[in-house]
Amino acid sequence: MTKEQFLELQKQQQSSGVSVKDYCHQHSISYSSFNYWRKKYQSPDSKGLVPLTVHSTTGHSSVSDSSGLQIQFPNGVQVEFGSSSDSVAIQMLTLMCGRYV
């Protein structure tokens, strides 16, 4: 698989909204092969950093509050915070990102 082919596959997985494992299962791709190609083509300067998608959840949150924050990780994991949990969100982000800042 070329780097371009894998990057397109990875882009499709990320935009699908499902986890890597589920995406691989749905498309008959070996999960271990996907991870092999991901590690092989990972940029040496990325230091393991991955892009996150952050959404405002105003008006359509599944959390009891009417507004909040949703973070979607490339592997499909989503973390959602209501507006009243700002301190929890800040603590979690600090723990997750502290070593990179």
PDB file of N, CA and C in Angstrom:
ATOM      1  N   MET A   1       0.853  -1.172   0.000  1.00  0.00           N
ATOM      2  CA  MET A   1       0.000   0.000   0.000  1.00  0.00           C
ATOM      3  C   MET A   1       0.896   1.231   0.000  1.00  0.00           C
ATOM      4  N   THR A   2       0.584   2.171  -0.858  1.00  0.00           N
ATOM      5  CA  THR A   2       1.365   3.402  -0.893  1.00  0.00           C
ATOM      6  C   THR A   2       0.924   4.320   0.240  1.00  0.00           C
ATOM      7  N   LYS A   3       1.766   5.291   0.531  1.00  0.00           N
ATOM      8  CA  LYS A   3       1.442   6.252   1.584  1.00  0.00           C
ATOM      9  C   LYS A   3       0.161   7.009   1.231  1.00  0.00           C
ATOM     10  N   GLU A   4       0.021   7.396  -0.027  1.00  0.00           N
ATOM     11  CA  GLU A   4      -1.158   8.140  -0.459  1.00  0.00           C
ATOM     12  C   GLU A   4      -2.423   7.300  -0.296  1.00  0.00           C
ATOM     13  N   GLN A   5      -2.344   6.005  -0.630  1.00  0.00           N
ATOM     14  CA  GLN A   5      -3.497   5.119  -0.486  1.00  0.00           C
ATOM     15  C   GLN A   5      -3.896   4.998   0.989  1.00  0.00           C
ATOM     16  N   PHE A   6      -2.889   4.825   1.841  1.00  0.00           N
ATOM     17  CA  PHE A   6      -3.213   4.686   3.257  1.00  0.00           C
ATOM     18  C   PHE A   6      -3.771   5.981   3.825  1.00  0.00           C
ATOM     19  N   LEU A   7      -3.169   7.118   3.477  1.00  0.00           N
ATOM     20  CA  LEU A   7      -3.661   8.392   4.004  1.00  0.00           C
ATOM     21  C   LEU A   7      -5.107   8.642   3.585  1.00  0.00           C
ATOM     22  N   GLU A   8      -5.465   8.238   2.365  1.00  0.00           N
ATOM     23  CA  GLU A   8      -6.858   8.366   1.924  1.00  0.00           C
ATOM     24  C   GLU A   8      -7.760   7.442   2.733  1.00  0.00           C
ATOM     25  N   LEU A   9      -7.310   6.218   2.966  1.00  0.00           N
ATOM     26  CA  LEU A   9      -8.067   5.267   3.785  1.00  0.00           C
ATOM     27  C   LEU A   9      -8.259   5.804   5.197  1.00  0.00           C
ATOM     28  N   GLN A  10      -7.187   6.351   5.763  1.00  0.00           N
ATOM     29  CA  GLN A  10      -7.254   6.908   7.114  1.00  0.00           C
ATOM     30  C   GLN A  10      -8.208   8.105   7.159  1.00  0.00           C
ATOM     31  N   LYS A  11      -8.166   8.927   6.131  1.00  0.00           N
ATOM     32  CA  LYS A  11      -9.065  10.085   6.062  1.00  0.00           C
ATOM     33  C   LYS A  11     -10.523   9.629   6.014  1.00  0.00           C
ATOM     34  N   GLN A  12     -10.798   8.582   5.240  1.00  0.00           N
ATOM     35  CA  GLN A  12     -12.152   8.049   5.156  1.00  0.00           C
ATOM     36  C   GLN A  12     -12.599   7.496   6.507  1.00  0.00           C
ATOM     37  N   GLN A  13     -11.700   6.802   7.190  1.00  0.00           N
ATOM     38  CA  GLN A  13     -12.041   6.259   8.511  1.00  0.00           C
ATOM     39  C   GLN A  13     -12.364   7.386   9.469  1.00  0.00           C
ATOM     40  N   GLN A  14     -11.536   8.413   9.498  1.00  0.00           N
ATOM     41  CA  GLN A  14     -11.737   9.515  10.433  1.00  0.00           C
ATOM     42  C   GLN A  14     -13.053  10.247  10.160  1.00  0.00           C
ATOM     43  N   SER A  15     -13.395  10.409   8.895  1.00  0.00           N
ATOM     44  CA  SER A  15     -14.638  11.123   8.577  1.00  0.00           C
ATOM     45  C   SER A  15     -15.873  10.232   8.740  1.00  0.00           C
ATOM     46  N   SER A  16     -15.671   8.927   8.893  1.00  0.00           N
ATOM     47  CA  SER A  16     -16.799   8.008   9.038  1.00  0.00           C
ATOM     48  C   SER A  16     -17.488   8.138  10.393  1.00  0.00           C
ATOM     49  N   GLY A  17     -16.745   8.586  11.395  1.00  0.00           N
ATOM     50  CA  GLY A  17     -17.315   8.728  12.728  1.00  0.00           C
ATOM     51  C   GLY A  17     -17.346   7.436  13.530  1.00  0.00           C
ATOM     52  N   VAL A  18     -16.773   6.369  13.000  1.00  0.00           N
ATOM     53  CA  VAL A  18     -16.712   5.108  13.744  1.00  0.00           C
ATOM     54  C   VAL A  18     -15.273   4.843  14.157  1.00  0.00           C
ATOM     55  N   SER A  19     -15.109   3.980  15.120  1.00  0.00           N
ATOM     56  CA  SER A  19     -13.762   3.659  15.600  1.00  0.00           C
ATOM     57  C   SER A  19     -12.971   2.951  14.498  1.00  0.00           C
ATOM     58  N   VAL A  20     -11.660   2.960  14.637  1.00  0.00           N
ATOM     59  CA  VAL A  20     -10.796   2.281  13.677  1.00  0.00           C
ATOM     60  C   VAL A  20     -11.163   0.803  13.599  1.00  0.00           C
ATOM     61  N   LYS A  21     -11.360   0.197  14.758  1.00  0.00           N
ATOM     62  CA  LYS A  21     -11.687  -1.232  14.803  1.00  0.00           C
ATOM     63  C   LYS A  21     -12.987  -1.523  14.052  1.00  0.00           C
ATOM     64  N   ASP A  22     -14.014  -0.724  14.289  1.00  0.00           N
ATOM     65  CA  ASP A  22     -15.294  -0.920  13.596  1.00  0.00           C
ATOM     66  C   ASP A  22     -15.168  -0.657  12.101  1.00  0.00           C
ATOM     67  N   TYR A  23     -14.429   0.392  11.739  1.00  0.00           N
ATOM     68  CA  TYR A  23     -14.233   0.715  10.323  1.00  0.00           C
ATOM     69  C   TYR A  23     -13.527  -0.440   9.608  1.00  0.00           C
ATOM     70  N   CYS A  24     -12.491  -0.976  10.237  1.00  0.00           N
ATOM     71  CA  CYS A  24     -11.766  -2.100   9.640  1.00  0.00           C
ATOM     72  C   CYS A  24     -12.684  -3.300   9.467  1.00  0.00           C
ATOM     73  N   HIS A  25     -13.484  -3.583  10.475  1.00  0.00           N
ATOM     74  CA  HIS A  25     -14.409  -4.713  10.394  1.00  0.00           C
ATOM     75  C   HIS A  25     -15.420  -4.507   9.256  1.00  0.00           C
ATOM     76  N   GLN A  26     -15.962  -3.293   9.161  1.00  0.00           N
ATOM     77  CA  GLN A  26     -16.968  -2.996   8.136  1.00  0.00           C
ATOM     78  C   GLN A  26     -16.403  -3.090   6.723  1.00  0.00           C
ATOM     79  N   HIS A  27     -15.101  -2.840   6.569  1.00  0.00           N
ATOM     80  CA  HIS A  27     -14.479  -2.816   5.242  1.00  0.00           C
ATOM     81  C   HIS A  27     -13.530  -3.993   5.008  1.00  0.00           C
ATOM     82  N   SER A  28     -13.645  -5.018   5.861  1.00  0.00           N
ATOM     83  CA  SER A  28     -12.821  -6.236   5.733  1.00  0.00           C
ATOM     84  C   SER A  28     -11.329  -5.923   5.641  1.00  0.00           C
ATOM     85  N   ILE A  29     -10.893  -5.042   6.528  1.00  0.00           N
ATOM     86  CA  ILE A  29      -9.479  -4.669   6.627  1.00  0.00           C
ATOM     87  C   ILE A  29      -8.962  -5.200   7.955  1.00  0.00           C
ATOM     88  N   SER A  30      -7.800  -5.796   7.936  1.00  0.00           N
ATOM     89  CA  SER A  30      -7.209  -6.288   9.169  1.00  0.00           C
ATOM     90  C   SER A  30      -6.846  -5.096  10.061  1.00  0.00           C
ATOM     91  N   TYR A  31      -7.322  -5.148  11.302  1.00  0.00           N
ATOM     92  CA  TYR A  31      -7.027  -4.075  12.258  1.00  0.00           C
ATOM     93  C   TYR A  31      -5.522  -3.936  12.482  1.00  0.00           C
ATOM     94  N   SER A  32      -4.828  -5.063  12.573  1.00  0.00           N
ATOM     95  CA  SER A  32      -3.374  -5.012  12.782  1.00  0.00           C
ATOM     96  C   SER A  32      -2.668  -4.431  11.561  1.00  0.00           C
ATOM     97  N   SER A  33      -3.168  -4.711  10.364  1.00  0.00           N
ATOM     98  CA  SER A  33      -2.566  -4.129   9.152  1.00  0.00           C
ATOM     99  C   SER A  33      -2.768  -2.620   9.117  1.00  0.00           C
ATOM    100  N   PHE A  34      -3.974  -2.181   9.498  1.00  0.00           N
ATOM    101  CA  PHE A  34      -4.252  -0.745   9.535  1.00  0.00           C
ATOM    102  C   PHE A  34      -3.268  -0.050  10.469  1.00  0.00           C
ATOM    103  N   ASN A  35      -3.075  -0.624  11.655  1.00  0.00           N
ATOM    104  CA  ASN A  35      -2.142  -0.042  12.616  1.00  0.00           C
ATOM    105  C   ASN A  35      -0.705  -0.094  12.130  1.00  0.00           C
ATOM    106  N   TYR A  36      -0.340  -1.161  11.422  1.00  0.00           N
ATOM    107  CA  TYR A  36       1.007  -1.258  10.847  1.00  0.00           C
ATOM    108  C   TYR A  36       1.251  -0.090   9.884  1.00  0.00           C
ATOM    109  N   TRP A  37       0.295   0.131   8.966  1.00  0.00           N
ATOM    110  CA  TRP A  37       0.455   1.209   7.987  1.00  0.00           C
ATOM    111  C   TRP A  37       0.414   2.580   8.655  1.00  0.00           C
ATOM    112  N   ARG A  38      -0.407   2.702   9.683  1.00  0.00           N
ATOM    113  CA  ARG A  38      -0.480   3.988  10.386  1.00  0.00           C
ATOM    114  C   ARG A  38       0.873   4.314  11.019  1.00  0.00           C
ATOM    115  N   LYS A  39       1.489   3.338  11.668  1.00  0.00           N
ATOM    116  CA  LYS A  39       2.799   3.564  12.289  1.00  0.00           C
ATOM    117  C   LYS A  39       3.881   3.782  11.249  1.00  0.00           C
ATOM    118  N   LYS A  40       3.802   3.038  10.154  1.00  0.00           N
ATOM    119  CA  LYS A  40       4.809   3.169   9.103  1.00  0.00           C
ATOM    120  C   LYS A  40       4.801   4.562   8.485  1.00  0.00           C
ATOM    121  N   TYR A  41       3.611   5.100   8.262  1.00  0.00           N
ATOM    122  CA  TYR A  41       3.504   6.386   7.575  1.00  0.00           C
ATOM    123  C   TYR A  41       3.334   7.562   8.511  1.00  0.00           C
ATOM    124  N   GLN A  42       3.426   7.332   9.806  1.00  0.00           N
ATOM    125  CA  GLN A  42       3.327   8.433  10.763  1.00  0.00           C
ATOM    126  C   GLN A  42       4.515   9.352  10.562  1.00  0.00           C
ATOM    127  N   SER A  43       4.234  10.614  10.489  1.00  0.00           N
ATOM    128  CA  SER A  43       5.281  11.602  10.303  1.00  0.00           C
ATOM    129  C   SER A  43       6.251  11.580  11.478  1.00  0.00           C
ATOM    130  N   PRO A  44       7.572  11.524  11.200  1.00  0.00           N
ATOM    131  CA  PRO A  44       8.535  11.469  12.303  1.00  0.00           C
ATOM    132  C   PRO A  44       8.509  12.718  13.184  1.00  0.00           C
ATOM    133  N   ASP A  45       8.024  13.831  12.654  1.00  0.00           N
ATOM    134  CA  ASP A  45       7.975  15.056  13.457  1.00  0.00           C
ATOM    135  C   ASP A  45       6.657  15.204  14.210  1.00  0.00           C
ATOM    136  N   SER A  46       5.730  14.252  14.056  1.00  0.00           N
ATOM    137  CA  SER A  46       4.441  14.391  14.725  1.00  0.00           C
ATOM    138  C   SER A  46       4.506  14.029  16.202  1.00  0.00           C
ATOM    139  N   LYS A  47       5.512  13.259  16.614  1.00  0.00           N
ATOM    140  CA  LYS A  47       5.700  12.872  18.013  1.00  0.00           C
ATOM    141  C   LYS A  47       4.442  12.262  18.612  1.00  0.00           C
ATOM    142  N   GLY A  48       3.699  11.519  17.789  1.00  0.00           N
ATOM    143  CA  GLY A  48       2.516  10.848  18.294  1.00  0.00           C
ATOM    144  C   GLY A  48       1.289  11.731  18.407  1.00  0.00           C
ATOM    145  N   LEU A  49       1.390  12.992  18.035  1.00  0.00           N
ATOM    146  CA  LEU A  49       0.236  13.877  18.109  1.00  0.00           C
ATOM    147  C   LEU A  49      -0.729  13.555  16.979  1.00  0.00           C
ATOM    148  N   VAL A  50      -1.992  13.637  17.258  1.00  0.00           N
ATOM    149  CA  VAL A  50      -3.011  13.387  16.253  1.00  0.00           C
ATOM    150  C   VAL A  50      -4.007  14.535  16.270  1.00  0.00           C
ATOM    151  N   PRO A  51      -4.644  14.803  15.139  1.00  0.00           N
ATOM    152  CA  PRO A  51      -5.628  15.885  15.122  1.00  0.00           C
ATOM    153  C   PRO A  51      -6.873  15.487  15.888  1.00  0.00           C
ATOM    154  N   LEU A  52      -7.453  16.444  16.575  1.00  0.00           N
ATOM    155  CA  LEU A  52      -8.706  16.239  17.290  1.00  0.00           C
ATOM    156  C   LEU A  52      -9.758  17.106  16.640  1.00  0.00           C
ATOM    157  N   THR A  53     -10.998  16.671  16.698  1.00  0.00           N
ATOM    158  CA  THR A  53     -12.100  17.479  16.218  1.00  0.00           C
ATOM    159  C   THR A  53     -12.892  17.925  17.441  1.00  0.00           C
ATOM    160  N   VAL A  54     -13.078  19.228  17.577  1.00  0.00           N
ATOM    161  CA  VAL A  54     -13.793  19.783  18.720  1.00  0.00           C
ATOM    162  C   VAL A  54     -15.045  20.474  18.192  1.00  0.00           C
ATOM    163  N   HIS A  55     -16.196  20.125  18.784  1.00  0.00           N
ATOM    164  CA  HIS A  55     -17.471  20.685  18.349  1.00  0.00           C
ATOM    165  C   HIS A  55     -18.179  21.326  19.531  1.00  0.00           C
ATOM    166  N   SER A  56     -18.854  22.423  19.262  1.00  0.00           N
ATOM    167  CA  SER A  56     -19.790  22.970  20.233  1.00  0.00           C
ATOM    168  C   SER A  56     -21.045  22.132  20.148  1.00  0.00           C
ATOM    169  N   THR A  57     -21.617  21.788  21.274  1.00  0.00           N
ATOM    170  CA  THR A  57     -22.807  20.936  21.268  1.00  0.00           C
ATOM    171  C   THR A  57     -24.057  21.720  21.635  1.00  0.00           C
ATOM    172  N   THR A  58     -24.043  23.024  21.422  1.00  0.00           N
ATOM    173  CA  THR A  58     -25.183  23.864  21.766  1.00  0.00           C
ATOM    174  C   THR A  58     -26.444  23.387  21.060  1.00  0.00           C
ATOM    175  N   GLY A  59     -27.445  23.082  21.850  1.00  0.00           N
ATOM    176  CA  GLY A  59     -28.741  22.746  21.302  1.00  0.00           C
ATOM    177  C   GLY A  59     -28.916  21.316  20.826  1.00  0.00           C
ATOM    178  N   HIS A  60     -27.833  20.533  20.668  1.00  0.00           N
ATOM    179  CA  HIS A  60     -28.009  19.160  20.211  1.00  0.00           C
ATOM    180  C   HIS A  60     -27.144  18.173  20.978  1.00  0.00           C
ATOM    181  N   SER A  61     -26.877  18.524  22.199  1.00  0.00           N
ATOM    182  CA  SER A  61     -26.044  17.653  23.020  1.00  0.00           C
ATOM    183  C   SER A  61     -26.857  16.513  23.609  1.00  0.00           C
ATOM    184  N   SER A  62     -26.205  15.360  23.742  1.00  0.00           N
ATOM    185  CA  SER A  62     -26.854  14.253  24.443  1.00  0.00           C
ATOM    186  C   SER A  62     -26.644  14.389  25.945  1.00  0.00           C
ATOM    187  N   VAL A  63     -25.825  15.358  26.338  1.00  0.00           N
ATOM    188  CA  VAL A  63     -25.611  15.649  27.749  1.00  0.00           C
ATOM    189  C   VAL A  63     -26.802  16.478  28.222  1.00  0.00           C
ATOM    190  N   SER A  64     -27.122  16.402  29.502  1.00  0.00           N
ATOM    191  CA  SER A  64     -28.333  17.048  30.003  1.00  0.00           C
ATOM    192  C   SER A  64     -28.320  18.566  29.833  1.00  0.00           C
ATOM    193  N   ASP A  65     -27.174  19.208  29.841  1.00  0.00           N
ATOM    194  CA  ASP A  65     -27.105  20.654  29.631  1.00  0.00           C
ATOM    195  C   ASP A  65     -27.373  20.974  28.167  1.00  0.00           C
ATOM    196  N   SER A  66     -27.799  22.208  27.899  1.00  0.00           N
ATOM    197  CA  SER A  66     -28.139  22.573  26.531  1.00  0.00           C
ATOM    198  C   SER A  66     -26.930  22.991  25.712  1.00  0.00           C
ATOM    199  N   SER A  67     -25.772  23.163  26.330  1.00  0.00           N
ATOM    200  CA  SER A  67     -24.577  23.502  25.569  1.00  0.00           C
ATOM    201  C   SER A  67     -23.384  22.806  26.196  1.00  0.00           C
ATOM    202  N   GLY A  68     -22.327  22.688  25.435  1.00  0.00           N
ATOM    203  CA  GLY A  68     -21.151  22.022  25.952  1.00  0.00           C
ATOM    204  C   GLY A  68     -20.078  21.878  24.903  1.00  0.00           C
ATOM    205  N   LEU A  69     -19.268  20.880  25.085  1.00  0.00           N
ATOM    206  CA  LEU A  69     -18.106  20.656  24.233  1.00  0.00           C
ATOM    207  C   LEU A  69     -18.000  19.173  23.936  1.00  0.00           C
ATOM    208  N   GLN A  70     -17.716  18.838  22.672  1.00  0.00           N
ATOM    209  CA  GLN A  70     -17.507  17.453  22.283  1.00  0.00           C
ATOM    210  C   GLN A  70     -16.155  17.362  21.591  1.00  0.00           C
ATOM    211  N   ILE A  71     -15.342  16.394  22.030  1.00  0.00           N
ATOM    212  CA  ILE A  71     -14.040  16.156  21.419  1.00  0.00           C
ATOM    213  C   ILE A  71     -14.089  14.786  20.781  1.00  0.00           C
ATOM    214  N   GLN A  72     -13.738  14.730  19.486  1.00  0.00           N
ATOM    215  CA  GLN A  72     -13.727  13.452  18.786  1.00  0.00           C
ATOM    216  C   GLN A  72     -12.289  13.112  18.416  1.00  0.00           C
ATOM    217  N   PHE A  73     -11.844  11.947  18.895  1.00  0.00           N
ATOM    218  CA  PHE A  73     -10.498  11.478  18.614  1.00  0.00           C
ATOM    219  C   PHE A  73     -10.501  10.687  17.312  1.00  0.00           C
ATOM    220  N   PRO A  74      -9.356  10.615  16.633  1.00  0.00           N
ATOM    221  CA  PRO A  74      -9.294   9.904  15.354  1.00  0.00           C
ATOM    222  C   PRO A  74      -9.735   8.445  15.419  1.00  0.00           C
ATOM    223  N   ASN A  75      -9.634   7.812  16.572  1.00  0.00           N
ATOM    224  CA  ASN A  75     -10.038   6.410  16.674  1.00  0.00           C
ATOM    225  C   ASN A  75     -11.538   6.256  16.878  1.00  0.00           C
ATOM    226  N   GLY A  76     -12.270   7.370  16.839  1.00  0.00           N
ATOM    227  CA  GLY A  76     -13.716   7.321  16.958  1.00  0.00           C
ATOM    228  C   GLY A  76     -14.245   7.588  18.356  1.00  0.00           C
ATOM    229  N   VAL A  77     -13.377   7.618  19.357  1.00  0.00           N
ATOM    230  CA  VAL A  77     -13.807   7.893  20.720  1.00  0.00           C
ATOM    231  C   VAL A  77     -14.268   9.344  20.808  1.00  0.00           C
ATOM    232  N   GLN A  78     -15.408   9.551  21.455  1.00  0.00           N
ATOM    233  CA  GLN A  78     -15.938  10.888  21.638  1.00  0.00           C
ATOM    234  C   GLN A  78     -16.077  11.177  23.123  1.00  0.00           C
ATOM    235  N   VAL A  79     -15.668  12.371  23.526  1.00  0.00           N
ATOM    236  CA  VAL A  79     -15.812  12.816  24.906  1.00  0.00           C
ATOM    237  C   VAL A  79     -16.695  14.048  24.857  1.00  0.00           C
ATOM    238  N   GLU A  80     -17.729  14.052  25.663  1.00  0.00           N
ATOM    239  CA  GLU A  80     -18.682  15.152  25.633  1.00  0.00           C
ATOM    240  C   GLU A  80     -18.836  15.743  27.029  1.00  0.00           C
ATOM    241  N   PHE A  81     -18.808  17.074  27.113  1.00  0.00           N
ATOM    242  CA  PHE A  81     -18.930  17.786  28.376  1.00  0.00           C
ATOM    243  C   PHE A  81     -20.088  18.759  28.281  1.00  0.00           C
ATOM    244  N   GLY A  82     -20.882  18.821  29.332  1.00  0.00           N
ATOM    245  CA  GLY A  82     -21.913  19.843  29.432  1.00  0.00           C
ATOM    246  C   GLY A  82     -21.273  21.144  29.888  1.00  0.00           C
ATOM    247  N   SER A  83     -21.983  22.237  29.760  1.00  0.00           N
ATOM    248  CA  SER A  83     -21.409  23.535  30.116  1.00  0.00           C
ATOM    249  C   SER A  83     -21.065  23.635  31.595  1.00  0.00           C
ATOM    250  N   SER A  84     -21.722  22.841  32.440  1.00  0.00           N
ATOM    251  CA  SER A  84     -21.445  22.922  33.874  1.00  0.00           C
ATOM    252  C   SER A  84     -20.205  22.132  34.271  1.00  0.00           C
ATOM    253  N   SER A  85     -19.600  21.412  33.320  1.00  0.00           N
ATOM    254  CA  SER A  85     -18.440  20.588  33.656  1.00  0.00           C
ATOM    255  C   SER A  85     -17.139  21.178  33.116  1.00  0.00           C
ATOM    256  N   ASP A  86     -17.052  22.513  33.016  1.00  0.00           N
ATOM    257  CA  ASP A  86     -15.862  23.159  32.482  1.00  0.00           C
ATOM    258  C   ASP A  86     -14.598  22.758  33.229  1.00  0.00           C
ATOM    259  N   SER A  87     -14.647  22.716  34.540  1.00  0.00           N
ATOM    260  CA  SER A  87     -13.440  22.386  35.304  1.00  0.00           C
ATOM    261  C   SER A  87     -13.011  20.944  35.047  1.00  0.00           C
ATOM    262  N   VAL A  88     -13.972  20.041  34.869  1.00  0.00           N
ATOM    263  CA  VAL A  88     -13.646  18.645  34.556  1.00  0.00           C
ATOM    264  C   VAL A  88     -12.990  18.562  33.177  1.00  0.00           C
ATOM    265  N   ALA A  89     -13.538  19.297  32.219  1.00  0.00           N
ATOM    266  CA  ALA A  89     -12.970  19.301  30.864  1.00  0.00           C
ATOM    267  C   ALA A  89     -11.546  19.831  30.877  1.00  0.00           C
ATOM    268  N   ILE A  90     -11.323  20.910  31.598  1.00  0.00           N
ATOM    269  CA  ILE A  90      -9.980  21.502  31.670  1.00  0.00           C
ATOM    270  C   ILE A  90      -9.004  20.541  32.329  1.00  0.00           C
ATOM    271  N   GLN A  91      -9.416  19.877  33.397  1.00  0.00           N
ATOM    272  CA  GLN A  91      -8.546  18.903  34.063  1.00  0.00           C
ATOM    273  C   GLN A  91      -8.212  17.745  33.125  1.00  0.00           C
ATOM    274  N   MET A  92      -9.210  17.245  32.417  1.00  0.00           N
ATOM    275  CA  MET A  92      -8.981  16.123  31.511  1.00  0.00           C
ATOM    276  C   MET A  92      -8.059  16.519  30.365  1.00  0.00           C
ATOM    277  N   LEU A  93      -8.296  17.672  29.772  1.00  0.00           N
ATOM    278  CA  LEU A  93      -7.440  18.137  28.678  1.00  0.00           C
ATOM    279  C   LEU A  93      -6.012  18.383  29.155  1.00  0.00           C
ATOM    280  N   THR A  94      -5.874  18.905  30.356  1.00  0.00           N
ATOM    281  CA  THR A  94      -4.544  19.127  30.918  1.00  0.00           C
ATOM    282  C   THR A  94      -3.802  17.807  31.075  1.00  0.00           C
ATOM    283  N   LEU A  95      -4.496  16.783  31.580  1.00  0.00           N
ATOM    284  CA  LEU A  95      -3.872  15.465  31.730  1.00  0.00           C
ATOM    285  C   LEU A  95      -3.501  14.861  30.380  1.00  0.00           C
ATOM    286  N   MET A  96      -4.417  14.979  29.389  1.00  0.00           N
ATOM    287  CA  MET A  96      -4.187  14.363  28.095  1.00  0.00           C
ATOM    288  C   MET A  96      -3.107  15.085  27.295  1.00  0.00           C
ATOM    289  N   CYS A  97      -3.062  16.400  27.412  1.00  0.00           N
ATOM    290  CA  CYS A  97      -2.186  17.172  26.543  1.00  0.00           C
ATOM    291  C   CYS A  97      -0.990  17.762  27.268  1.00  0.00           C
ATOM    292  N   GLY A  98      -0.934  17.651  28.585  1.00  0.00           N
ATOM    293  CA  GLY A  98       0.108  18.306  29.367  1.00  0.00           C
ATOM    294  C   GLY A  98       1.526  17.982  28.932  1.00  0.00           C
ATOM    295  N   ARG A  99       1.764  16.759  28.536  1.00  0.00           N
ATOM    296  CA  ARG A  99       3.127  16.380  28.155  1.00  0.00           C
ATOM    297  C   ARG A  99       3.537  16.937  26.801  1.00  0.00           C
ATOM    298  N   TYR A 100       2.585  17.445  26.016  1.00  0.00           N
ATOM    299  CA  TYR A 100       2.904  17.963  24.695  1.00  0.00           C
ATOM    300  C   TYR A 100       3.000  19.486  24.667  1.00  0.00           C
ATOM    301  N   VAL A 101       2.564  20.123  25.748  1.00  0.00           N
ATOM    302  CA  VAL A 101       2.525  21.584  25.774  1.00  0.00           C
ATOM    303  C   VAL A 101       3.787  22.142  26.363  1.00  0.00           C
TER     304      VAL A 101
END
